[in-house]
Amino acid sequence: MKTIIPQPLPVPLAKAYRLLNHGPTVLVTSANGSERNVMAAAWNMGLNYEPALVSVVIDKATFSRELIEASGKFALNIPARGIAAQTLAVGRVSGRDLDRANHVDKFSAFGLHTFTGADATLPLVNGCVGWLECTLIPEPHNQTQYDLFIGQVTAAWADARVFSDGRWTYGADTPTDLQTLHYVAGGTFLTVGDAFEVSPAAPLG
């Protein structure tokens, strides 16, 4: 199902790493042909400014990995607290266990609505506050040995209510449903708090 991104803001690729720099849990989406999948991943990070590179750990047993290796692309979606329950669920259920022959996938099973960005074949998840479309940079050794996937960001967006001028703008008046998620363990998340600024400390002595 397609829905509209609330207040989408294109993010310059050289600043796309800032969407991930504070360590949020992400939803990895992928598709190949008529099949698509979504999974949660806590281990992800930005790698480079120009070209914009990101990395994410994707286990060998996942259906997402099969789709990514076949299609050569994926998207990182940054979920907000409003879909925390769905984020936890898609991290615990395998897309292989659903009745895909009858068009049941994790999106439909858990009520996640999708839309498309620059790449019409990649599903992006509504209820998120950031989205990065990526082309896989094949690194067979890293993928096989460490389950580590590297992608070059080809397009990125953020929700203008919480991201502008190349940075997150969280404060005391930010609706809690827009807070990013940071997974701990056992179904527990932390959420992003208020932003504050400091000046560098002066050297001692």
C-alpha atoms as a PDB file:
ATOM      1  CA  MET A   1       0.000   0.000   0.000  1.00  0.00           C
ATOM      2  CA  LYS A   2       1.302   3.438  -0.886  1.00  0.00           C
ATOM      3  CA  THR A   3       1.064   6.352   1.499  1.00  0.00           C
ATOM      4  CA  ILE A   4       2.514   9.846   1.526  1.00  0.00           C
ATOM      5  CA  ILE A   5       5.641  10.772   3.471  1.00  0.00           C
ATOM      6  CA  PRO A   6       4.770  13.585   5.902  1.00  0.00           C
ATOM      7  CA  GLN A   7       6.870  16.651   5.060  1.00  0.00           C
ATOM      8  CA  PRO A   8       9.646  14.848   3.127  1.00  0.00           C
ATOM      9  CA  LEU A   9      12.989  16.600   3.002  1.00  0.00           C
ATOM     10  CA  PRO A  10      15.686  15.502   0.521  1.00  0.00           C
ATOM     11  CA  VAL A  11      18.998  15.047   2.325  1.00  0.00           C
ATOM     12  CA  PRO A  12      22.248  15.831   0.455  1.00  0.00           C
ATOM     13  CA  LEU A  13      24.149  12.582   0.021  1.00  0.00           C
ATOM     14  CA  ALA A  14      27.263  13.991   1.674  1.00  0.00           C
ATOM     15  CA  LYS A  15      25.180  14.472   4.830  1.00  0.00           C
ATOM     16  CA  ALA A  16      23.234  11.212   4.643  1.00  0.00           C
ATOM     17  CA  TYR A  17      25.520   9.659   7.272  1.00  0.00           C
ATOM     18  CA  ARG A  18      24.006  12.049   9.823  1.00  0.00           C
ATOM     19  CA  LEU A  19      20.742  10.145   9.606  1.00  0.00           C
ATOM     20  CA  LEU A  20      22.541   7.167  11.194  1.00  0.00           C
ATOM     21  CA  ASN A  21      25.220   8.889  13.252  1.00  0.00           C
ATOM     22  CA  HIS A  22      23.251   8.765  16.525  1.00  0.00           C
ATOM     23  CA  GLY A  23      22.919   4.973  16.368  1.00  0.00           C
ATOM     24  CA  PRO A  24      19.250   4.276  15.603  1.00  0.00           C
ATOM     25  CA  THR A  25      17.773   0.867  14.937  1.00  0.00           C
ATOM     26  CA  VAL A  26      16.835   0.638  11.254  1.00  0.00           C
ATOM     27  CA  LEU A  27      14.393  -1.303   9.145  1.00  0.00           C
ATOM     28  CA  VAL A  28      16.140  -2.880   6.168  1.00  0.00           C
ATOM     29  CA  THR A  29      13.820  -3.211   3.188  1.00  0.00           C
ATOM     30  CA  SER A  30      14.536  -5.153   0.029  1.00  0.00           C
ATOM     31  CA  ALA A  31      12.799  -6.561  -3.010  1.00  0.00           C
ATOM     32  CA  ASN A  32      13.492  -8.825  -5.942  1.00  0.00           C
ATOM     33  CA  GLY A  33      10.875  -9.393  -8.596  1.00  0.00           C
ATOM     34  CA  SER A  34       7.512  -9.899  -6.905  1.00  0.00           C
ATOM     35  CA  GLU A  35       8.981 -10.628  -3.461  1.00  0.00           C
ATOM     36  CA  ARG A  36       9.865  -8.109  -0.808  1.00  0.00           C
ATOM     37  CA  ASN A  37      10.863  -8.130   2.847  1.00  0.00           C
ATOM     38  CA  VAL A  38      11.597  -5.990   5.867  1.00  0.00           C
ATOM     39  CA  MET A  39      13.814  -6.750   8.865  1.00  0.00           C
ATOM     40  CA  ALA A  40      15.118  -4.810  11.848  1.00  0.00           C
ATOM     41  CA  ALA A  41      18.851  -4.216  12.279  1.00  0.00           C
ATOM     42  CA  ALA A  42      20.574  -2.560  15.221  1.00  0.00           C
ATOM     43  CA  TRP A  43      24.107  -2.895  13.809  1.00  0.00           C
ATOM     44  CA  ASN A  44      24.453  -0.204  11.163  1.00  0.00           C
ATOM     45  CA  MET A  45      26.525   2.908  10.572  1.00  0.00           C
ATOM     46  CA  GLY A  46      27.712   5.494   8.089  1.00  0.00           C
ATOM     47  CA  LEU A  47      31.096   4.819   6.481  1.00  0.00           C
ATOM     48  CA  ASN A  48      31.905   7.745   4.215  1.00  0.00           C
ATOM     49  CA  TYR A  49      30.783  11.208   3.099  1.00  0.00           C
ATOM     50  CA  GLU A  50      31.548  11.227  -0.632  1.00  0.00           C
ATOM     51  CA  PRO A  51      30.603   8.844  -1.988  1.00  0.00           C
ATOM     52  CA  ALA A  52      28.017   8.322   0.737  1.00  0.00           C
ATOM     53  CA  LEU A  53      28.520   4.809   2.120  1.00  0.00           C
ATOM     54  CA  VAL A  54      26.728   2.886   4.866  1.00  0.00           C
ATOM     55  CA  SER A  55      27.101  -0.562   6.384  1.00  0.00           C
ATOM     56  CA  VAL A  56      24.673  -2.980   7.981  1.00  0.00           C
ATOM     57  CA  VAL A  57      24.955  -6.510   9.385  1.00  0.00           C
ATOM     58  CA  ILE A  58      22.555  -8.994   7.755  1.00  0.00           C
ATOM     59  CA  ASP A  59      22.629 -12.586   8.938  1.00  0.00           C
ATOM     60  CA  LYS A  60      23.082 -15.419   6.457  1.00  0.00           C
ATOM     61  CA  ALA A  61      19.787 -17.017   7.489  1.00  0.00           C
ATOM     62  CA  THR A  62      17.599 -14.045   6.631  1.00  0.00           C
ATOM     63  CA  PHE A  63      15.248 -13.805   3.670  1.00  0.00           C
ATOM     64  CA  SER A  64      16.315 -10.171   3.299  1.00  0.00           C
ATOM     65  CA  ARG A  65      19.867 -11.256   2.542  1.00  0.00           C
ATOM     66  CA  GLU A  66      18.659 -13.476  -0.277  1.00  0.00           C
ATOM     67  CA  LEU A  67      16.729 -10.591  -1.827  1.00  0.00           C
ATOM     68  CA  ILE A  68      19.577  -8.091  -1.417  1.00  0.00           C
ATOM     69  CA  GLU A  69      22.168 -10.383  -2.969  1.00  0.00           C
ATOM     70  CA  ALA A  70      19.817 -11.059  -5.884  1.00  0.00           C
ATOM     71  CA  SER A  71      18.774  -7.453  -6.531  1.00  0.00           C
ATOM     72  CA  GLY A  72      21.946  -5.618  -5.509  1.00  0.00           C
ATOM     73  CA  LYS A  73      20.106  -2.961  -3.518  1.00  0.00           C
ATOM     74  CA  PHE A  74      18.367  -2.227  -0.237  1.00  0.00           C
ATOM     75  CA  ALA A  75      16.986   0.654   1.797  1.00  0.00           C
ATOM     76  CA  LEU A  76      17.573   1.691   5.377  1.00  0.00           C
ATOM     77  CA  ASN A  77      14.475   3.142   7.028  1.00  0.00           C
ATOM     78  CA  ILE A  78      14.748   4.873  10.411  1.00  0.00           C
ATOM     79  CA  PRO A  79      11.648   3.934  12.409  1.00  0.00           C
ATOM     80  CA  ALA A  80      10.104   6.214  14.990  1.00  0.00           C
ATOM     81  CA  ARG A  81       8.492   5.329  18.296  1.00  0.00           C
ATOM     82  CA  GLY A  82       5.052   5.276  16.687  1.00  0.00           C
ATOM     83  CA  ILE A  83       5.926   1.934  15.024  1.00  0.00           C
ATOM     84  CA  ALA A  84       8.101   0.483  17.794  1.00  0.00           C
ATOM     85  CA  ALA A  85       5.890  -2.607  18.198  1.00  0.00           C
ATOM     86  CA  GLN A  86       6.060  -3.378  14.479  1.00  0.00           C
ATOM     87  CA  THR A  87       9.814  -2.802  14.469  1.00  0.00           C
ATOM     88  CA  LEU A  88      10.240  -5.365  17.230  1.00  0.00           C
ATOM     89  CA  ALA A  89       7.928  -7.829  15.472  1.00  0.00           C
ATOM     90  CA  VAL A  90       9.657  -7.769  12.080  1.00  0.00           C
ATOM     91  CA  GLY A  91      12.944  -8.337  13.870  1.00  0.00           C
ATOM     92  CA  ARG A  92      11.617 -11.548  15.404  1.00  0.00           C
ATOM     93  CA  VAL A  93       9.707 -13.137  12.510  1.00  0.00           C
ATOM     94  CA  SER A  94      11.322 -14.476   9.359  1.00  0.00           C
ATOM     95  CA  GLY A  95       9.861 -13.635   5.981  1.00  0.00           C
ATOM     96  CA  ARG A  96      10.423 -17.273   5.084  1.00  0.00           C
ATOM     97  CA  ASP A  97       7.757 -18.340   7.591  1.00  0.00           C
ATOM     98  CA  LEU A  98       4.913 -16.411   5.966  1.00  0.00           C
ATOM     99  CA  ASP A  99       2.564 -17.568   3.207  1.00  0.00           C
ATOM    100  CA  ARG A 100       4.175 -15.579   0.423  1.00  0.00           C
ATOM    101  CA  ALA A 101       2.286 -17.560  -2.220  1.00  0.00           C
ATOM    102  CA  ASN A 102      -0.839 -15.742  -1.032  1.00  0.00           C
ATOM    103  CA  HIS A 103       0.924 -12.375  -0.922  1.00  0.00           C
ATOM    104  CA  VAL A 104       1.426 -12.376   2.827  1.00  0.00           C
ATOM    105  CA  ASP A 105       4.656 -10.646   3.710  1.00  0.00           C
ATOM    106  CA  LYS A 106       5.895  -8.909   6.850  1.00  0.00           C
ATOM    107  CA  PHE A 107       4.608  -5.552   5.670  1.00  0.00           C
ATOM    108  CA  SER A 108       1.035  -6.781   5.374  1.00  0.00           C
ATOM    109  CA  ALA A 109       1.270  -9.144   8.349  1.00  0.00           C
ATOM    110  CA  PHE A 110       2.188  -6.305  10.723  1.00  0.00           C
ATOM    111  CA  GLY A 111       0.361  -3.398   9.106  1.00  0.00           C
ATOM    112  CA  LEU A 112       3.372  -1.536   7.754  1.00  0.00           C
ATOM    113  CA  HIS A 113       2.440   0.766   4.880  1.00  0.00           C
ATOM    114  CA  THR A 114       4.948   1.507   2.158  1.00  0.00           C
ATOM    115  CA  PHE A 115       5.685   4.050  -0.548  1.00  0.00           C
ATOM    116  CA  THR A 116       8.413   4.425  -3.150  1.00  0.00           C
ATOM    117  CA  GLY A 117      11.097   7.064  -3.512  1.00  0.00           C
ATOM    118  CA  ALA A 118      13.569   7.420  -6.369  1.00  0.00           C
ATOM    119  CA  ASP A 119      13.717   3.656  -7.014  1.00  0.00           C
ATOM    120  CA  ALA A 120      10.232   2.372  -7.767  1.00  0.00           C
ATOM    121  CA  THR A 121      11.262  -1.208  -6.943  1.00  0.00           C
ATOM    122  CA  LEU A 122      12.349  -0.520  -3.344  1.00  0.00           C
ATOM    123  CA  PRO A 123       9.672  -0.329  -0.628  1.00  0.00           C
ATOM    124  CA  LEU A 124      10.106   2.455   1.928  1.00  0.00           C
ATOM    125  CA  VAL A 125       8.271   2.307   5.259  1.00  0.00           C
ATOM    126  CA  ASN A 126       5.789   4.901   6.448  1.00  0.00           C
ATOM    127  CA  GLY A 127       6.071   5.782  10.131  1.00  0.00           C
ATOM    128  CA  CYS A 128       9.809   6.366   9.804  1.00  0.00           C
ATOM    129  CA  VAL A 129      11.675   9.668  10.023  1.00  0.00           C
ATOM    130  CA  GLY A 130      14.543   8.901   7.638  1.00  0.00           C
ATOM    131  CA  TRP A 131      15.074   6.833   4.504  1.00  0.00           C
ATOM    132  CA  LEU A 132      18.226   5.894   2.569  1.00  0.00           C
ATOM    133  CA  GLU A 133      18.150   4.027  -0.740  1.00  0.00           C
ATOM    134  CA  CYS A 134      21.352   2.066  -1.319  1.00  0.00           C
ATOM    135  CA  THR A 135      23.126   0.153  -4.052  1.00  0.00           C
ATOM    136  CA  LEU A 136      25.064  -2.843  -2.765  1.00  0.00           C
ATOM    137  CA  ILE A 137      28.837  -2.683  -3.104  1.00  0.00           C
ATOM    138  CA  PRO A 138      29.727  -6.378  -3.364  1.00  0.00           C
ATOM    139  CA  GLU A 139      32.362  -7.418  -0.844  1.00  0.00           C
ATOM    140  CA  PRO A 140      32.131 -11.242  -0.866  1.00  0.00           C
ATOM    141  CA  HIS A 141      34.674 -11.747   1.929  1.00  0.00           C
ATOM    142  CA  ASN A 142      32.998  -9.296   4.316  1.00  0.00           C
ATOM    143  CA  GLN A 143      29.539 -10.628   3.482  1.00  0.00           C
ATOM    144  CA  THR A 144      30.504 -14.270   3.944  1.00  0.00           C
ATOM    145  CA  GLN A 145      32.859 -13.935   6.891  1.00  0.00           C
ATOM    146  CA  TYR A 146      31.218 -11.133   8.874  1.00  0.00           C
ATOM    147  CA  ASP A 147      27.672 -10.755   7.444  1.00  0.00           C
ATOM    148  CA  LEU A 148      28.675  -7.142   6.746  1.00  0.00           C
ATOM    149  CA  PHE A 149      27.029  -5.402   3.807  1.00  0.00           C
ATOM    150  CA  ILE A 150      28.169  -2.076   2.370  1.00  0.00           C
ATOM    151  CA  GLY A 151      25.885   0.146   0.353  1.00  0.00           C
ATOM    152  CA  GLN A 152      26.343   3.372  -1.573  1.00  0.00           C
ATOM    153  CA  VAL A 153      23.537   5.793  -0.788  1.00  0.00           C
ATOM    154  CA  THR A 154      21.825   6.917  -3.980  1.00  0.00           C
ATOM    155  CA  ALA A 155      18.975   8.945  -2.432  1.00  0.00           C
ATOM    156  CA  ALA A 156      18.010  10.027   1.072  1.00  0.00           C
ATOM    157  CA  TRP A 157      15.150  11.837   2.786  1.00  0.00           C
ATOM    158  CA  ALA A 158      14.141  12.842   6.297  1.00  0.00           C
ATOM    159  CA  ASP A 159      10.996  14.051   8.024  1.00  0.00           C
ATOM    160  CA  ALA A 160      11.309  17.847   8.145  1.00  0.00           C
ATOM    161  CA  ARG A 161       9.569  17.919  11.526  1.00  0.00           C
ATOM    162  CA  VAL A 162      12.689  16.421  13.137  1.00  0.00           C
ATOM    163  CA  PHE A 163      15.505  16.955  10.599  1.00  0.00           C
ATOM    164  CA  SER A 164      16.593  20.158   8.871  1.00  0.00           C
ATOM    165  CA  ASP A 165      19.786  21.919   7.783  1.00  0.00           C
ATOM    166  CA  GLY A 166      21.561  18.576   7.731  1.00  0.00           C
ATOM    167  CA  ARG A 167      20.899  17.582  11.344  1.00  0.00           C
ATOM    168  CA  TRP A 168      18.328  16.197  13.738  1.00  0.00           C
ATOM    169  CA  THR A 169      16.316  18.840  15.587  1.00  0.00           C
ATOM    170  CA  TYR A 170      14.900  16.937  18.563  1.00  0.00           C
ATOM    171  CA  GLY A 171      13.774  19.010  21.527  1.00  0.00           C
ATOM    172  CA  ALA A 172      11.354  19.086  24.435  1.00  0.00           C
ATOM    173  CA  ASP A 173       8.418  19.861  22.130  1.00  0.00           C
ATOM    174  CA  THR A 174       9.040  16.953  19.716  1.00  0.00           C
ATOM    175  CA  PRO A 175       6.090  14.508  19.671  1.00  0.00           C
ATOM    176  CA  THR A 176       7.184  11.201  21.218  1.00  0.00           C
ATOM    177  CA  ASP A 177       5.874   9.273  18.199  1.00  0.00           C
ATOM    178  CA  LEU A 178       8.644  10.883  16.118  1.00  0.00           C
ATOM    179  CA  GLN A 179      11.532   9.847  18.388  1.00  0.00           C
ATOM    180  CA  THR A 180      14.034   7.420  16.878  1.00  0.00           C
ATOM    181  CA  LEU A 181      14.489   3.967  18.394  1.00  0.00           C
ATOM    182  CA  HIS A 182      17.677   2.543  19.928  1.00  0.00           C
ATOM    183  CA  TYR A 183      17.464  -1.152  20.737  1.00  0.00           C
ATOM    184  CA  VAL A 184      18.863  -2.510  23.998  1.00  0.00           C
ATOM    185  CA  ALA A 185      17.691  -6.139  24.424  1.00  0.00           C
ATOM    186  CA  GLY A 186      14.677  -8.231  25.351  1.00  0.00           C
ATOM    187  CA  GLY A 187      12.143  -5.928  23.719  1.00  0.00           C
ATOM    188  CA  THR A 188      13.538  -2.776  25.370  1.00  0.00           C
ATOM    189  CA  PHE A 189      14.267   0.363  23.376  1.00  0.00           C
ATOM    190  CA  LEU A 190      15.703   3.714  24.330  1.00  0.00           C
ATOM    191  CA  THR A 191      14.528   6.811  22.461  1.00  0.00           C
ATOM    192  CA  VAL A 192      16.395   9.908  21.430  1.00  0.00           C
ATOM    193  CA  GLY A 193      16.304  12.760  23.975  1.00  0.00           C
ATOM    194  CA  ASP A 194      16.553  16.538  23.852  1.00  0.00           C
ATOM    195  CA  ALA A 195      19.379  18.071  21.851  1.00  0.00           C
ATOM    196  CA  PHE A 196      21.894  20.321  23.601  1.00  0.00           C
ATOM    197  CA  GLU A 197      25.079  22.078  22.579  1.00  0.00           C
ATOM    198  CA  VAL A 198      28.367  22.504  24.422  1.00  0.00           C
ATOM    199  CA  SER A 199      31.656  24.250  23.729  1.00  0.00           C
ATOM    200  CA  PRO A 200      34.881  22.224  23.701  1.00  0.00           C
ATOM    201  CA  ALA A 201      36.573  21.920  27.075  1.00  0.00           C
ATOM    202  CA  ALA A 202      39.769  23.912  27.506  1.00  0.00           C
ATOM    203  CA  PRO A 203      43.009  21.941  28.022  1.00  0.00           C
ATOM    204  CA  LEU A 204      43.885  21.420  31.681  1.00  0.00           C
ATOM    205  CA  GLY A 205      46.812  23.313  33.070  1.00  0.00           C
END
